[in-house]
Amino acid sequence: MKTLFTFTALAALAVSTTGLHADDSHPFQASLTPDIAIYPRTEVIHGLTLSIWGENPQQGVALGIVNGSSGDSAGFTWGFFNYAE
């Protein structure tokens, strides 16, 4: 229960801060692979990313099986395999 609360709090914080960023970023990304996703892998995500395999520049929380970060990325990433450019 404590883990669920922590995850919910982190996700809410990541999504709630999206109004502070430029218009060229997105608050949410979901992807099966980097090529099968809501936004292309070149788009910046300021918020929450949920993926089977995702790869975006990001500022926020990334949860998935395989998480890739490219460009200027920062935040919390949890997955079985994580990599950064």
Protein backbone atom coordinates (compact mmCIF):
# COMPACT_ATOMS: atom_id res chain seq x y z
CA MET A 1 0.00 0.00 0.00
CA LYS A 2 2.85 2.38 0.80
CA THR A 3 4.44 1.68 -2.60
CA LEU A 4 1.18 2.42 -4.37
CA PHE A 5 0.85 5.70 -2.50
CA THR A 6 4.45 6.68 -3.35
CA PHE A 7 3.94 5.85 -7.04
CA THR A 8 0.68 7.81 -7.15
CA ALA A 9 2.30 10.82 -5.48
CA LEU A 10 5.26 10.78 -7.90
CA ALA A 11 2.97 10.46 -10.91
CA ALA A 12 0.72 13.27 -9.70
CA LEU A 13 3.72 15.51 -9.10
CA ALA A 14 5.14 14.81 -12.54
CA VAL A 15 1.85 15.49 -14.29
CA SER A 16 0.99 18.56 -12.19
CA THR A 17 4.24 20.35 -13.05
CA THR A 18 3.71 20.14 -16.79
CA GLY A 19 2.20 23.62 -16.99
CA LEU A 20 5.58 25.11 -16.08
CA HIS A 21 7.30 24.02 -19.29
CA ALA A 22 7.39 25.16 -22.90
CA ASP A 23 4.66 24.30 -25.36
CA ASP A 24 6.92 21.92 -27.30
CA SER A 25 6.80 19.29 -24.53
CA HIS A 26 4.06 16.80 -23.65
CA PRO A 27 2.72 15.75 -20.21
CA PHE A 28 2.17 12.05 -20.98
CA GLN A 29 3.67 9.38 -23.22
CA ALA A 30 2.61 5.77 -23.72
CA SER A 31 4.45 3.41 -26.04
CA LEU A 32 4.79 -0.21 -27.05
CA THR A 33 8.07 0.52 -28.90
CA PRO A 34 9.78 3.81 -29.75
CA ASP A 35 8.12 3.72 -33.19
CA ILE A 36 4.65 2.72 -31.87
CA ALA A 37 3.91 5.52 -29.42
CA ILE A 38 1.70 8.55 -28.90
CA TYR A 39 4.59 10.93 -29.71
CA PRO A 40 7.77 10.28 -31.74
CA ARG A 41 11.01 9.48 -29.91
CA THR A 42 12.33 13.00 -30.58
CA GLU A 43 9.56 14.76 -28.58
CA VAL A 44 10.32 15.94 -25.02
CA ILE A 45 8.08 14.49 -22.28
CA HIS A 46 7.61 16.58 -19.11
CA GLY A 47 5.53 14.29 -16.93
CA LEU A 48 4.69 10.60 -16.93
CA THR A 49 5.90 7.97 -19.41
CA LEU A 50 4.41 4.45 -19.40
CA SER A 51 5.93 1.97 -21.83
CA ILE A 52 6.84 -1.54 -22.79
CA TRP A 53 9.86 0.03 -24.55
CA GLY A 54 10.12 3.80 -24.57
CA GLU A 55 12.80 6.23 -25.69
CA ASN A 56 12.30 9.99 -25.34
CA PRO A 57 14.06 12.98 -23.86
CA GLN A 58 12.18 13.32 -20.56
CA GLN A 59 11.82 15.33 -17.40
CA GLY A 60 9.66 13.39 -14.94
CA VAL A 61 8.75 9.79 -14.20
CA ALA A 62 9.32 6.90 -16.64
CA LEU A 63 7.86 3.48 -15.83
CA GLY A 64 8.20 0.50 -18.12
CA ILE A 65 10.00 -2.68 -19.00
CA VAL A 66 12.69 -0.99 -21.15
CA ASN A 67 13.27 2.75 -20.63
CA GLY A 68 15.58 4.78 -22.83
CA SER A 69 16.47 8.40 -22.22
CA SER A 70 17.96 10.59 -24.91
CA GLY A 71 19.01 14.20 -25.03
CA ASP A 72 18.72 16.25 -21.83
CA SER A 73 16.81 13.92 -19.51
CA ALA A 74 16.25 13.99 -15.76
CA GLY A 75 13.88 12.43 -13.25
CA PHE A 76 12.93 9.01 -11.91
CA THR A 77 13.11 5.91 -14.11
CA TRP A 78 12.00 2.43 -13.08
CA GLY A 79 12.18 -0.64 -15.29
CA PHE A 80 13.86 -3.97 -15.84
CA PHE A 81 16.31 -2.42 -18.29
CA ASN A 82 17.21 1.28 -18.38
CA TYR A 83 19.64 3.05 -20.68
CA ALA A 84 20.64 6.60 -21.51
CA GLU A 85 22.20 8.21 -24.53
